[in-house]
C-alpha atoms as a PDB file:
ATOM      1  CA  MET A   1     -30.575 -21.723   1.370  1.00  0.00           C
ATOM      2  CA  PRO A   2     -27.350 -20.562   3.048  1.00  0.00           C
ATOM      3  CA  ASP A   3     -25.236 -23.055   4.934  1.00  0.00           C
ATOM      4  CA  GLN A   4     -25.613 -22.392   8.681  1.00  0.00           C
ATOM      5  CA  GLY A   5     -22.285 -23.952   9.694  1.00  0.00           C
ATOM      6  CA  LEU A   6     -19.527 -21.501  10.562  1.00  0.00           C
ATOM      7  CA  ASP A   7     -16.669 -21.880   8.077  1.00  0.00           C
ATOM      8  CA  LEU A   8     -13.643 -21.259  10.337  1.00  0.00           C
ATOM      9  CA  ALA A   9     -11.115 -22.505   7.795  1.00  0.00           C
ATOM     10  CA  GLY A  10     -12.660 -20.280   5.152  1.00  0.00           C
ATOM     11  CA  LEU A  11     -12.403 -17.325   7.536  1.00  0.00           C
ATOM     12  CA  TRP A  12      -8.703 -17.797   8.275  1.00  0.00           C
ATOM     13  CA  SER A  13      -7.579 -18.166   4.663  1.00  0.00           C
ATOM     14  CA  PRO A  14      -8.474 -14.604   3.511  1.00  0.00           C
ATOM     15  CA  ILE A  15      -7.149 -13.155   6.783  1.00  0.00           C
ATOM     16  CA  ARG A  16      -3.777 -14.861   6.279  1.00  0.00           C
ATOM     17  CA  LEU A  17      -3.621 -13.898   2.613  1.00  0.00           C
ATOM     18  CA  THR A  18      -4.530 -10.271   3.346  1.00  0.00           C
ATOM     19  CA  LEU A  19      -1.862  -9.962   6.047  1.00  0.00           C
ATOM     20  CA  GLU A  20       0.734 -11.438   3.682  1.00  0.00           C
ATOM     21  CA  LEU A  21      -0.320  -9.105   0.882  1.00  0.00           C
ATOM     22  CA  ALA A  22      -0.310  -6.015   3.112  1.00  0.00           C
ATOM     23  CA  THR A  23       3.084  -6.884   4.597  1.00  0.00           C
ATOM     24  CA  VAL A  24       4.776  -7.532   1.252  1.00  0.00           C
ATOM     25  CA  THR A  25       3.157  -4.469  -0.312  1.00  0.00           C
ATOM     26  CA  THR A  26       4.232  -2.203   2.554  1.00  0.00           C
ATOM     27  CA  VAL A  27       7.845  -3.403   2.372  1.00  0.00           C
ATOM     28  CA  VAL A  28       7.940  -2.916  -1.409  1.00  0.00           C
ATOM     29  CA  LEU A  29       6.363   0.525  -1.098  1.00  0.00           C
ATOM     30  CA  LEU A  30       8.912   1.654   1.489  1.00  0.00           C
ATOM     31  CA  ILE A  31      11.733   0.485  -0.782  1.00  0.00           C
ATOM     32  CA  ILE A  32      10.283   2.078  -3.930  1.00  0.00           C
ATOM     33  CA  GLY A  33       8.547   5.033  -2.332  1.00  0.00           C
ATOM     34  CA  THR A  34      11.516   6.356  -0.344  1.00  0.00           C
ATOM     35  CA  PRO A  35      13.661   7.415  -3.348  1.00  0.00           C
ATOM     36  CA  ILE A  36      10.550   8.787  -5.084  1.00  0.00           C
ATOM     37  CA  ALA A  37       9.646  10.830  -1.997  1.00  0.00           C
ATOM     38  CA  TRP A  38      13.249  12.026  -1.620  1.00  0.00           C
ATOM     39  CA  TRP A  39      13.392  13.155  -5.251  1.00  0.00           C
ATOM     40  CA  LEU A  40      10.036  14.939  -4.980  1.00  0.00           C
ATOM     41  CA  ALA A  41      11.162  16.681  -1.800  1.00  0.00           C
ATOM     42  CA  ARG A  42      14.620  17.732  -3.021  1.00  0.00           C
ATOM     43  CA  SER A  43      14.387  18.106  -6.790  1.00  0.00           C
ATOM     44  CA  LYS A  44      14.192  21.534  -8.414  1.00  0.00           C
ATOM     45  CA  ALA A  45      12.791  20.118 -11.663  1.00  0.00           C
ATOM     46  CA  LYS A  46       9.814  22.070 -12.999  1.00  0.00           C
ATOM     47  CA  TRP A  47       7.997  18.877 -13.912  1.00  0.00           C
ATOM     48  CA  LYS A  48       8.312  17.185 -10.521  1.00  0.00           C
ATOM     49  CA  GLU A  49       4.724  18.103  -9.605  1.00  0.00           C
ATOM     50  CA  ALA A  50       3.559  16.298 -12.740  1.00  0.00           C
ATOM     51  CA  VAL A  51       5.329  13.208 -11.368  1.00  0.00           C
ATOM     52  CA  ALA A  52       3.704  13.836  -7.986  1.00  0.00           C
ATOM     53  CA  ALA A  53       0.308  14.016  -9.707  1.00  0.00           C
ATOM     54  CA  VAL A  54       0.919  10.645 -11.367  1.00  0.00           C
ATOM     55  CA  VAL A  55       1.851   9.132  -8.001  1.00  0.00           C
ATOM     56  CA  ALA A  56      -1.320  10.613  -6.455  1.00  0.00           C
ATOM     57  CA  LEU A  57      -3.672   9.434  -9.241  1.00  0.00           C
ATOM     58  CA  PRO A  58      -5.053   6.482  -7.215  1.00  0.00           C
ATOM     59  CA  LEU A  59      -6.476   8.988  -4.714  1.00  0.00           C
ATOM     60  CA  VAL A  60      -9.075  10.158  -7.245  1.00  0.00           C
ATOM     61  CA  LEU A  61      -9.064   7.474  -9.955  1.00  0.00           C
ATOM     62  CA  PRO A  62     -11.881   4.918  -9.603  1.00  0.00           C
ATOM     63  CA  PRO A  63     -10.362   1.587  -8.468  1.00  0.00           C
ATOM     64  CA  THR A  64     -12.086  -0.248 -11.309  1.00  0.00           C
ATOM     65  CA  VAL A  65     -10.372   2.007 -13.864  1.00  0.00           C
ATOM     66  CA  LEU A  66      -6.946   1.410 -12.340  1.00  0.00           C
ATOM     67  CA  GLY A  67      -7.760  -2.279 -12.003  1.00  0.00           C
ATOM     68  CA  PHE A  68      -8.824  -2.491 -15.641  1.00  0.00           C
ATOM     69  CA  TYR A  69      -5.581  -1.041 -16.986  1.00  0.00           C
ATOM     70  CA  LEU A  70      -3.509  -3.165 -14.611  1.00  0.00           C
ATOM     71  CA  LEU A  71      -5.449  -6.219 -15.758  1.00  0.00           C
ATOM     72  CA  VAL A  72      -4.634  -5.404 -19.384  1.00  0.00           C
ATOM     73  CA  ALA A  73      -0.969  -4.787 -18.535  1.00  0.00           C
ATOM     74  CA  MET A  74      -0.623  -8.004 -16.557  1.00  0.00           C
ATOM     75  CA  GLY A  75      -2.598 -10.174 -18.961  1.00  0.00           C
ATOM     76  CA  PRO A  76      -1.129 -12.608 -21.511  1.00  0.00           C
ATOM     77  CA  ASP A  77      -0.796  -9.889 -24.173  1.00  0.00           C
ATOM     78  CA  GLY A  78       0.744  -7.287 -21.873  1.00  0.00           C
ATOM     79  CA  PRO A  79       4.150  -6.880 -20.218  1.00  0.00           C
ATOM     80  CA  GLY A  80       2.941  -9.067 -17.361  1.00  0.00           C
ATOM     81  CA  GLY A  81       2.469 -11.973 -19.756  1.00  0.00           C
ATOM     82  CA  TRP A  82       6.083 -11.686 -20.920  1.00  0.00           C
ATOM     83  CA  ILE A  83       7.370 -11.465 -17.326  1.00  0.00           C
ATOM     84  CA  ALA A  84       5.261 -14.433 -16.207  1.00  0.00           C
ATOM     85  CA  GLY A  85       6.595 -16.404 -19.162  1.00  0.00           C
ATOM     86  CA  LEU A  86      10.055 -16.303 -17.563  1.00  0.00           C
ATOM     87  CA  TRP A  87       8.868 -18.938 -15.062  1.00  0.00           C
ATOM     88  CA  GLY A  88       6.426 -20.725 -17.350  1.00  0.00           C
ATOM     89  CA  GLU A  89       3.174 -18.902 -16.587  1.00  0.00           C
ATOM     90  CA  ARG A  90       0.894 -17.112 -19.040  1.00  0.00           C
ATOM     91  CA  SER A  91      -0.077 -14.069 -16.993  1.00  0.00           C
ATOM     92  CA  LEU A  92       0.438 -12.140 -13.766  1.00  0.00           C
ATOM     93  CA  ALA A  93      -3.303 -11.537 -13.516  1.00  0.00           C
ATOM     94  CA  PHE A  94      -5.185 -13.661 -10.967  1.00  0.00           C
ATOM     95  CA  THR A  95      -1.987 -14.410  -9.039  1.00  0.00           C
ATOM     96  CA  PHE A  96      -0.588 -13.266  -5.699  1.00  0.00           C
ATOM     97  CA  GLN A  97       2.258 -11.506  -7.538  1.00  0.00           C
ATOM     98  CA  GLY A  98      -0.327  -9.598  -9.548  1.00  0.00           C
ATOM     99  CA  LEU A  99      -2.092  -8.567  -6.353  1.00  0.00           C
ATOM    100  CA  VAL A 100       1.179  -7.205  -4.973  1.00  0.00           C
ATOM    101  CA  ILE A 101       1.801  -5.152  -8.137  1.00  0.00           C
ATOM    102  CA  GLY A 102      -1.739  -3.777  -8.111  1.00  0.00           C
ATOM    103  CA  SER A 103      -1.575  -2.996  -4.396  1.00  0.00           C
ATOM    104  CA  VAL A 104       1.734  -1.162  -4.815  1.00  0.00           C
ATOM    105  CA  PHE A 105       0.236   1.114  -7.465  1.00  0.00           C
ATOM    106  CA  TYR A 106      -3.002   1.634  -5.536  1.00  0.00           C
ATOM    107  CA  SER A 107      -1.420   2.386  -2.150  1.00  0.00           C
ATOM    108  CA  MET A 108       1.633   4.327  -3.343  1.00  0.00           C
ATOM    109  CA  PRO A 109       0.342   7.856  -2.556  1.00  0.00           C
ATOM    110  CA  PHE A 110      -0.429   6.808   1.017  1.00  0.00           C
ATOM    111  CA  VAL A 111       3.249   5.974   1.539  1.00  0.00           C
ATOM    112  CA  VAL A 112       5.045   8.465  -0.690  1.00  0.00           C
ATOM    113  CA  GLN A 113       3.228  11.604   0.475  1.00  0.00           C
ATOM    114  CA  PRO A 114       3.889  11.276   4.237  1.00  0.00           C
ATOM    115  CA  ILE A 115       7.568  10.493   3.596  1.00  0.00           C
ATOM    116  CA  ARG A 116       7.867  13.422   1.180  1.00  0.00           C
ATOM    117  CA  ASN A 117       6.268  15.748   3.745  1.00  0.00           C
ATOM    118  CA  ALA A 118       8.704  14.530   6.394  1.00  0.00           C
ATOM    119  CA  PHE A 119      11.700  15.109   4.114  1.00  0.00           C
ATOM    120  CA  GLU A 120      10.486  18.615   3.301  1.00  0.00           C
ATOM    121  CA  ALA A 121       9.755  19.476   6.935  1.00  0.00           C
ATOM    122  CA  PHE A 122      13.359  19.586   8.164  1.00  0.00           C
ATOM    123  CA  GLY A 123      14.609  21.759   5.289  1.00  0.00           C
ATOM    124  CA  ASP A 124      18.193  22.108   4.048  1.00  0.00           C
ATOM    125  CA  ARG A 125      19.990  23.073   7.249  1.00  0.00           C
ATOM    126  CA  PRO A 126      20.652  19.572   8.711  1.00  0.00           C
ATOM    127  CA  LEU A 127      22.082  18.344   5.414  1.00  0.00           C
ATOM    128  CA  GLU A 128      24.248  21.444   5.062  1.00  0.00           C
ATOM    129  CA  VAL A 129      25.634  20.841   8.546  1.00  0.00           C
ATOM    130  CA  ALA A 130      26.355  17.202   7.626  1.00  0.00           C
ATOM    131  CA  ALA A 131      28.176  18.390   4.488  1.00  0.00           C
ATOM    132  CA  THR A 132      30.397  20.706   6.544  1.00  0.00           C
ATOM    133  CA  LEU A 133      31.367  17.638   8.598  1.00  0.00           C
ATOM    134  CA  HIS A 134      32.471  15.955   5.345  1.00  0.00           C
ATOM    135  CA  ALA A 135      29.584  13.514   5.240  1.00  0.00           C
ATOM    136  CA  SER A 136      28.884  12.168   1.765  1.00  0.00           C
ATOM    137  CA  PRO A 137      25.346  12.614   0.373  1.00  0.00           C
ATOM    138  CA  TRP A 138      24.738   8.899   0.972  1.00  0.00           C
ATOM    139  CA  ASP A 139      25.915   9.114   4.591  1.00  0.00           C
ATOM    140  CA  ALA A 140      23.920  12.297   5.184  1.00  0.00           C
ATOM    141  CA  PHE A 141      20.796  10.634   3.833  1.00  0.00           C
ATOM    142  CA  TRP A 142      21.018   7.629   6.160  1.00  0.00           C
ATOM    143  CA  SER A 143      22.441   9.333   9.243  1.00  0.00           C
ATOM    144  CA  VAL A 144      20.502  12.610   9.070  1.00  0.00           C
ATOM    145  CA  ALA A 145      17.544  12.584   6.669  1.00  0.00           C
ATOM    146  CA  VAL A 146      16.109   9.167   7.490  1.00  0.00           C
ATOM    147  CA  PRO A 147      16.173   9.605  11.314  1.00  0.00           C
ATOM    148  CA  LEU A 148      14.588  13.057  11.016  1.00  0.00           C
ATOM    149  CA  ALA A 149      11.902  11.698   8.688  1.00  0.00           C
ATOM    150  CA  ARG A 150      11.120   8.707  10.910  1.00  0.00           C
ATOM    151  CA  PRO A 151       7.557   9.915  11.713  1.00  0.00           C
ATOM    152  CA  GLY A 152       6.831  10.098   7.996  1.00  0.00           C
ATOM    153  CA  PHE A 153       8.098   6.561   7.475  1.00  0.00           C
ATOM    154  CA  LEU A 154       5.942   5.312  10.347  1.00  0.00           C
ATOM    155  CA  THR A 155       2.866   7.115   9.077  1.00  0.00           C
ATOM    156  CA  GLY A 156       3.438   5.906   5.525  1.00  0.00           C
ATOM    157  CA  ALA A 157       3.958   2.307   6.629  1.00  0.00           C
ATOM    158  CA  VAL A 158       0.778   2.279   8.729  1.00  0.00           C
ATOM    159  CA  LEU A 159      -1.340   3.954   6.049  1.00  0.00           C
ATOM    160  CA  GLY A 160       0.066   1.761   3.281  1.00  0.00           C
ATOM    161  CA  PHE A 161      -0.596  -1.394   5.271  1.00  0.00           C
ATOM    162  CA  ALA A 162      -4.102  -0.307   6.270  1.00  0.00           C
ATOM    163  CA  HIS A 163      -5.033   0.815   2.764  1.00  0.00           C
ATOM    164  CA  THR A 164      -3.890  -2.504   1.320  1.00  0.00           C
ATOM    165  CA  VAL A 165      -5.972  -4.403   3.881  1.00  0.00           C
ATOM    166  CA  GLY A 166      -9.088  -2.447   2.909  1.00  0.00           C
ATOM    167  CA  GLU A 167      -8.767  -2.352  -0.880  1.00  0.00           C
ATOM    168  CA  PHE A 168     -11.500  -4.029  -2.915  1.00  0.00           C
ATOM    169  CA  GLY A 169     -12.009  -2.797  -6.471  1.00  0.00           C
ATOM    170  CA  VAL A 170      -8.445  -3.207  -7.704  1.00  0.00           C
ATOM    171  CA  VAL A 171      -7.866  -6.633  -6.139  1.00  0.00           C
ATOM    172  CA  LEU A 172     -11.192  -7.927  -7.430  1.00  0.00           C
ATOM    173  CA  MET A 173     -10.392  -6.750 -10.967  1.00  0.00           C
ATOM    174  CA  ILE A 174      -6.881  -8.197 -11.159  1.00  0.00           C
ATOM    175  CA  GLY A 175      -7.166 -11.085  -8.706  1.00  0.00           C
ATOM    176  CA  GLY A 176     -10.698 -12.346  -8.899  1.00  0.00           C
ATOM    177  CA  ASN A 177     -11.953 -14.611  -6.144  1.00  0.00           C
ATOM    178  CA  ILE A 178      -9.626 -17.634  -5.963  1.00  0.00           C
ATOM    179  CA  PRO A 179      -9.635 -19.174  -2.447  1.00  0.00           C
ATOM    180  CA  GLY A 180      -6.154 -19.353  -0.943  1.00  0.00           C
ATOM    181  CA  GLU A 181      -4.569 -17.390  -3.812  1.00  0.00           C
ATOM    182  CA  THR A 182      -6.374 -14.087  -4.423  1.00  0.00           C
ATOM    183  CA  LYS A 183      -9.422 -14.106  -2.120  1.00  0.00           C
ATOM    184  CA  VAL A 184      -8.524 -11.326   0.324  1.00  0.00           C
ATOM    185  CA  LEU A 185     -10.663 -10.035   3.204  1.00  0.00           C
ATOM    186  CA  SER A 186     -12.683  -7.434   1.303  1.00  0.00           C
ATOM    187  CA  VAL A 187     -13.494  -9.920  -1.455  1.00  0.00           C
ATOM    188  CA  ALA A 188     -14.374 -12.575   1.135  1.00  0.00           C
ATOM    189  CA  VAL A 189     -16.899 -10.239   2.791  1.00  0.00           C
ATOM    190  CA  TYR A 190     -18.481  -9.564  -0.585  1.00  0.00           C
ATOM    191  CA  ASP A 191     -18.570 -13.285  -1.353  1.00  0.00           C
ATOM    192  CA  TYR A 192     -20.139 -14.192   2.005  1.00  0.00           C
ATOM    193  CA  VAL A 193     -22.830 -11.529   1.566  1.00  0.00           C
ATOM    194  CA  GLU A 194     -23.609 -12.774  -1.947  1.00  0.00           C
ATOM    195  CA  THR A 195     -24.033 -16.329  -0.650  1.00  0.00           C
ATOM    196  CA  LEU A 196     -26.055 -15.159   2.397  1.00  0.00           C
ATOM    197  CA  ARG A 197     -23.476 -16.407   4.905  1.00  0.00           C
ATOM    198  CA  TRP A 198     -24.192 -13.613   7.355  1.00  0.00           C
ATOM    199  CA  ALA A 199     -22.239 -15.011  10.316  1.00  0.00           C
ATOM    200  CA  GLU A 200     -18.939 -15.097   8.411  1.00  0.00           C
ATOM    201  CA  ALA A 201     -19.671 -11.697   6.820  1.00  0.00           C
ATOM    202  CA  HIS A 202     -20.321 -10.178  10.260  1.00  0.00           C
ATOM    203  CA  ILE A 203     -17.085 -11.573  11.692  1.00  0.00           C
ATOM    204  CA  LEU A 204     -14.878 -10.310   8.870  1.00  0.00           C
ATOM    205  CA  ALA A 205     -16.666  -6.973   8.459  1.00  0.00           C
ATOM    206  CA  GLY A 206     -16.604  -6.366  12.217  1.00  0.00           C
ATOM    207  CA  GLY A 207     -12.905  -7.179  12.331  1.00  0.00           C
ATOM    208  CA  LEU A 208     -12.201  -4.719   9.513  1.00  0.00           C
ATOM    209  CA  LEU A 209     -14.264  -2.069  11.300  1.00  0.00           C
ATOM    210  CA  VAL A 210     -12.246  -2.477  14.493  1.00  0.00           C
ATOM    211  CA  PHE A 211      -9.008  -2.486  12.502  1.00  0.00           C
ATOM    212  CA  ALA A 212      -9.972   0.767  10.738  1.00  0.00           C
ATOM    213  CA  PHE A 213     -10.826   2.424  14.064  1.00  0.00           C
ATOM    214  CA  VAL A 214      -7.508   1.371  15.610  1.00  0.00           C
ATOM    215  CA  VAL A 215      -5.565   2.691  12.603  1.00  0.00           C
ATOM    216  CA  ILE A 216      -7.331   6.069  12.652  1.00  0.00           C
ATOM    217  CA  LEU A 217      -6.931   6.418  16.421  1.00  0.00           C
ATOM    218  CA  SER A 218      -3.250   5.473  16.164  1.00  0.00           C
ATOM    219  CA  MET A 219      -2.672   8.082  13.459  1.00  0.00           C
ATOM    220  CA  MET A 220      -4.386  10.779  15.528  1.00  0.00           C
ATOM    221  CA  LEU A 221      -2.314   9.934  18.603  1.00  0.00           C
ATOM    222  CA  LEU A 222       0.870   9.772  16.528  1.00  0.00           C
ATOM    223  CA  GLU A 223       0.223  13.187  14.970  1.00  0.00           C
ATOM    224  CA  LYS A 224      -0.494  14.620  18.416  1.00  0.00           C
ATOM    225  CA  ARG A 225       2.751  13.196  19.771  1.00  0.00           C
ATOM    226  CA  ILE A 226       4.750  14.467  16.803  1.00  0.00           C
ATOM    227  CA  GLY A 227       3.217  17.903  17.263  1.00  0.00           C
ATOM    228  CA  ARG A 228       4.238  18.003  20.930  1.00  0.00           C
ATOM    229  CA  ALA A 229       7.760  16.884  20.056  1.00  0.00           C
ATOM    230  CA  ALA A 230       8.062  19.583  17.401  1.00  0.00           C
ATOM    231  CA  ARG A 231       7.020  22.264  19.876  1.00  0.00           C
END
C-alpha cells in the first residue's frame, strides 16, 4: 500500500537538484556552444555541416542510445573512469558531474542552433564596418557580434535550461535514481508513479506542465518581439 503522507522533503530535493543541474548545464553550454556556433556560422569549410549534424544528433537519437554510450564512456573502463581517478573516484557515472556532462551533450543543439542562426542573421556587413574602424576580430566579436546575436543567446539559454529540466532517458541511464545526488524531477515523477505516491507525482508533474507552458509562451512572445524589432 502507498504511504499517504505527503513527502515535502522528498519533493524539494529533486527540485533543487534539477535547478542546479539546469543552471550549471546552461552556463557550460553557453561557454562551449558559443565558439561552436560562431565557427558554424562563419566557417567556409566544406565539412562544417557534418560537424553541425553531429551537434544536432541528440534531436533524433533515442535518449537511451545516447545515455548508453555516455554510460560506457563515463564508467570505470572509459575516459570518465580515468578522469574520476584524479580525485579518487572510480567513475563519473551516477554522479552529479556525470549528469552535467550528459546534459551538455543532450541539450547542445538547443543552444548552439539559435546562437548560430543569430550569428548568420546579421551577415558580414557589421563586422566589415568594425574592421574599417580598426577593431580587432576579438573586439569586433564582443562589441558587434555578441550584442547583435543577443536574441539568439537568450533563446538558446531558455531552451537549454528548459530541455535540461525535462530530460529523462539520458539522466536515468547515466545517473540512476540516487536521492539528493542524481534523482532529478523527471526521475522523481517516475519513481513516485511506480510507488503509487500519486499526490507527489501530481505536484511535480503539474509543476513541470506549468513550467513547459511558460517556456513555450515566453518563446512565442520573444520571437514576436524580435520580429517587430527587425521590421
